């Protein structure tokens, strides 16, 4: 397991490698409020970062991370444990007003 948070947290400057599942999880259903995920290296996780996109979820900023070798998606939206978006690092993040996703490097 990688790192998981729900509220009032900055996840910054971590190296997360070879995780089965998700490298960083932000929120569980509506339990997401004021989270910043920046400057992390996530490599070799099935999903790099998963963020709650249920309508009651709060704000999250995901910027300037390096996500490598995440075959199921670099940044994905979830409703509890169900992935409901494509890779938000590529497109689609604008549908979710609580998300700010920018400057991430994906390979």
C-alpha atoms as a PDB file:
ATOM      1  CA  UNK A   1       0.000   0.000   0.000  1.00  0.00           C
ATOM      2  CA  UNK A   2       1.142   3.515  -0.737  1.00  0.00           C
ATOM      3  CA  UNK A   3      -0.076   6.707   0.984  1.00  0.00           C
ATOM      4  CA  UNK A   4      -3.724   7.440   1.773  1.00  0.00           C
ATOM      5  CA  UNK A   5      -5.303  10.636   3.102  1.00  0.00           C
ATOM      6  CA  UNK A   6      -8.702  12.247   3.485  1.00  0.00           C
ATOM      7  CA  UNK A   7      -8.378  15.811   4.794  1.00  0.00           C
ATOM      8  CA  UNK A   8      -6.124  18.748   5.605  1.00  0.00           C
ATOM      9  CA  UNK A   9      -2.939  17.138   4.304  1.00  0.00           C
ATOM     10  CA  UNK A  10       0.054  17.949   2.103  1.00  0.00           C
ATOM     11  CA  UNK A  11       1.678  14.889   0.535  1.00  0.00           C
ATOM     12  CA  UNK A  12       4.999  16.246  -0.679  1.00  0.00           C
ATOM     13  CA  UNK A  13       8.414  14.896  -1.595  1.00  0.00           C
ATOM     14  CA  UNK A  14       7.796  11.154  -1.300  1.00  0.00           C
ATOM     15  CA  UNK A  15       9.129   8.244  -3.326  1.00  0.00           C
ATOM     16  CA  UNK A  16       6.575   5.459  -3.707  1.00  0.00           C
ATOM     17  CA  UNK A  17       7.657   2.368  -5.646  1.00  0.00           C
ATOM     18  CA  UNK A  18       6.297  -1.045  -6.602  1.00  0.00           C
ATOM     19  CA  UNK A  19       2.844  -0.771  -5.056  1.00  0.00           C
ATOM     20  CA  UNK A  20       0.109  -3.224  -5.983  1.00  0.00           C
ATOM     21  CA  UNK A  21      -2.914  -1.003  -6.412  1.00  0.00           C
ATOM     22  CA  UNK A  22      -2.689   2.786  -5.918  1.00  0.00           C
ATOM     23  CA  UNK A  23       0.452   4.769  -5.051  1.00  0.00           C
ATOM     24  CA  UNK A  24      -1.400   7.735  -3.487  1.00  0.00           C
ATOM     25  CA  UNK A  25      -5.099   7.774  -2.554  1.00  0.00           C
ATOM     26  CA  UNK A  26      -6.834  11.095  -1.880  1.00  0.00           C
ATOM     27  CA  UNK A  27     -10.251  10.779  -0.277  1.00  0.00           C
ATOM     28  CA  UNK A  28     -12.841   8.076   0.231  1.00  0.00           C
ATOM     29  CA  UNK A  29     -16.216   9.043  -1.147  1.00  0.00           C
ATOM     30  CA  UNK A  30     -17.164  12.446   0.311  1.00  0.00           C
ATOM     31  CA  UNK A  31     -14.277  12.264   2.791  1.00  0.00           C
ATOM     32  CA  UNK A  32     -11.904  14.555   0.896  1.00  0.00           C
ATOM     33  CA  UNK A  33     -11.050  18.076   1.979  1.00  0.00           C
ATOM     34  CA  UNK A  34      -8.127  20.417   1.322  1.00  0.00           C
ATOM     35  CA  UNK A  35      -5.405  18.041   0.120  1.00  0.00           C
ATOM     36  CA  UNK A  36      -2.249  18.973  -1.803  1.00  0.00           C
ATOM     37  CA  UNK A  37      -0.232  16.308  -3.640  1.00  0.00           C
ATOM     38  CA  UNK A  38       2.945  17.774  -5.103  1.00  0.00           C
ATOM     39  CA  UNK A  39       6.545  16.908  -5.839  1.00  0.00           C
ATOM     40  CA  UNK A  40       6.222  13.131  -5.430  1.00  0.00           C
ATOM     41  CA  UNK A  41       7.687  10.273  -7.435  1.00  0.00           C
ATOM     42  CA  UNK A  42       5.296   7.365  -7.943  1.00  0.00           C
ATOM     43  CA  UNK A  43       6.795   4.476  -9.914  1.00  0.00           C
ATOM     44  CA  UNK A  44       5.566   0.965 -10.528  1.00  0.00           C
ATOM     45  CA  UNK A  45       2.067   1.269  -9.039  1.00  0.00           C
ATOM     46  CA  UNK A  46      -0.968  -0.063 -10.907  1.00  0.00           C
ATOM     47  CA  UNK A  47      -2.503   3.425 -10.550  1.00  0.00           C
ATOM     48  CA  UNK A  48      -0.301   6.415  -9.712  1.00  0.00           C
ATOM     49  CA  UNK A  49      -2.794   8.649  -7.905  1.00  0.00           C
ATOM     50  CA  UNK A  50      -6.496   8.045  -7.245  1.00  0.00           C
ATOM     51  CA  UNK A  51      -8.704  10.931  -6.172  1.00  0.00           C
ATOM     52  CA  UNK A  52     -12.321  10.934  -5.016  1.00  0.00           C
ATOM     53  CA  UNK A  53     -14.672  12.538  -7.540  1.00  0.00           C
ATOM     54  CA  UNK A  54     -18.012  12.030  -5.784  1.00  0.00           C
ATOM     55  CA  UNK A  55     -20.108  15.202  -5.823  1.00  0.00           C
ATOM     56  CA  UNK A  56     -19.565  15.947  -2.107  1.00  0.00           C
ATOM     57  CA  UNK A  57     -15.739  15.647  -2.270  1.00  0.00           C
ATOM     58  CA  UNK A  58     -13.685  18.710  -1.401  1.00  0.00           C
ATOM     59  CA  UNK A  59     -10.718  20.405  -3.019  1.00  0.00           C
ATOM     60  CA  UNK A  60      -7.464  18.752  -4.042  1.00  0.00           C
ATOM     61  CA  UNK A  61      -4.411  20.079  -5.881  1.00  0.00           C
ATOM     62  CA  UNK A  62      -2.271  17.543  -7.778  1.00  0.00           C
ATOM     63  CA  UNK A  63       0.783  19.238  -9.314  1.00  0.00           C
ATOM     64  CA  UNK A  64       4.377  18.622 -10.325  1.00  0.00           C
ATOM     65  CA  UNK A  65       4.524  14.897  -9.601  1.00  0.00           C
ATOM     66  CA  UNK A  66       6.455  12.336 -11.637  1.00  0.00           C
ATOM     67  CA  UNK A  67       4.374   9.237 -12.290  1.00  0.00           C
ATOM     68  CA  UNK A  68       6.117   6.386 -14.099  1.00  0.00           C
ATOM     69  CA  UNK A  69       5.068   2.883 -15.072  1.00  0.00           C
ATOM     70  CA  UNK A  70       1.452   3.108 -13.875  1.00  0.00           C
ATOM     71  CA  UNK A  71      -0.248   0.878 -16.459  1.00  0.00           C
ATOM     72  CA  UNK A  72      -3.838   1.444 -15.250  1.00  0.00           C
ATOM     73  CA  UNK A  73      -3.569   5.250 -15.193  1.00  0.00           C
ATOM     74  CA  UNK A  74      -1.395   8.027 -13.801  1.00  0.00           C
ATOM     75  CA  UNK A  75      -4.219  10.001 -12.130  1.00  0.00           C
ATOM     76  CA  UNK A  76      -7.732   8.552 -11.958  1.00  0.00           C
ATOM     77  CA  UNK A  77     -11.026   9.571 -10.395  1.00  0.00           C
ATOM     78  CA  UNK A  78     -12.802   7.189  -8.084  1.00  0.00           C
ATOM     79  CA  UNK A  79     -16.118   6.808  -6.358  1.00  0.00           C
ATOM     80  CA  UNK A  80     -15.091   4.906  -3.252  1.00  0.00           C
ATOM     81  CA  UNK A  81     -13.146   1.900  -4.627  1.00  0.00           C
ATOM     82  CA  UNK A  82     -14.523   2.065  -8.180  1.00  0.00           C
ATOM     83  CA  UNK A  83     -12.487   3.829 -10.873  1.00  0.00           C
ATOM     84  CA  UNK A  84     -14.930   6.013 -12.838  1.00  0.00           C
ATOM     85  CA  UNK A  85     -12.688   8.137 -15.078  1.00  0.00           C
ATOM     86  CA  UNK A  86      -9.973   7.685 -17.591  1.00  0.00           C
ATOM     87  CA  UNK A  87      -6.528   9.092 -16.960  1.00  0.00           C
ATOM     88  CA  UNK A  88      -7.141  12.641 -15.687  1.00  0.00           C
ATOM     89  CA  UNK A  89      -3.511  13.578 -16.354  1.00  0.00           C
ATOM     90  CA  UNK A  90      -4.436  13.447 -20.054  1.00  0.00           C
ATOM     91  CA  UNK A  91      -7.920  14.998 -20.073  1.00  0.00           C
ATOM     92  CA  UNK A  92     -11.233  15.186 -18.263  1.00  0.00           C
ATOM     93  CA  UNK A  93     -10.137  16.868 -15.021  1.00  0.00           C
ATOM     94  CA  UNK A  94     -12.031  20.035 -15.985  1.00  0.00           C
ATOM     95  CA  UNK A  95     -15.325  18.172 -15.372  1.00  0.00           C
ATOM     96  CA  UNK A  96     -14.560  18.200 -11.650  1.00  0.00           C
ATOM     97  CA  UNK A  97     -14.479  21.703 -10.186  1.00  0.00           C
ATOM     98  CA  UNK A  98     -12.824  20.558  -6.957  1.00  0.00           C
ATOM     99  CA  UNK A  99      -9.727  19.268  -8.813  1.00  0.00           C
ATOM    100  CA  UNK A 100      -6.677  21.236  -9.855  1.00  0.00           C
ATOM    101  CA  UNK A 101      -4.346  18.980 -11.879  1.00  0.00           C
ATOM    102  CA  UNK A 102      -1.342  20.539 -13.630  1.00  0.00           C
ATOM    103  CA  UNK A 103       2.348  20.140 -14.357  1.00  0.00           C
ATOM    104  CA  UNK A 104       2.596  16.410 -13.722  1.00  0.00           C
ATOM    105  CA  UNK A 105       5.099  14.394 -15.732  1.00  0.00           C
ATOM    106  CA  UNK A 106       3.855  10.977 -16.832  1.00  0.00           C
ATOM    107  CA  UNK A 107       5.936   8.305 -18.514  1.00  0.00           C
END
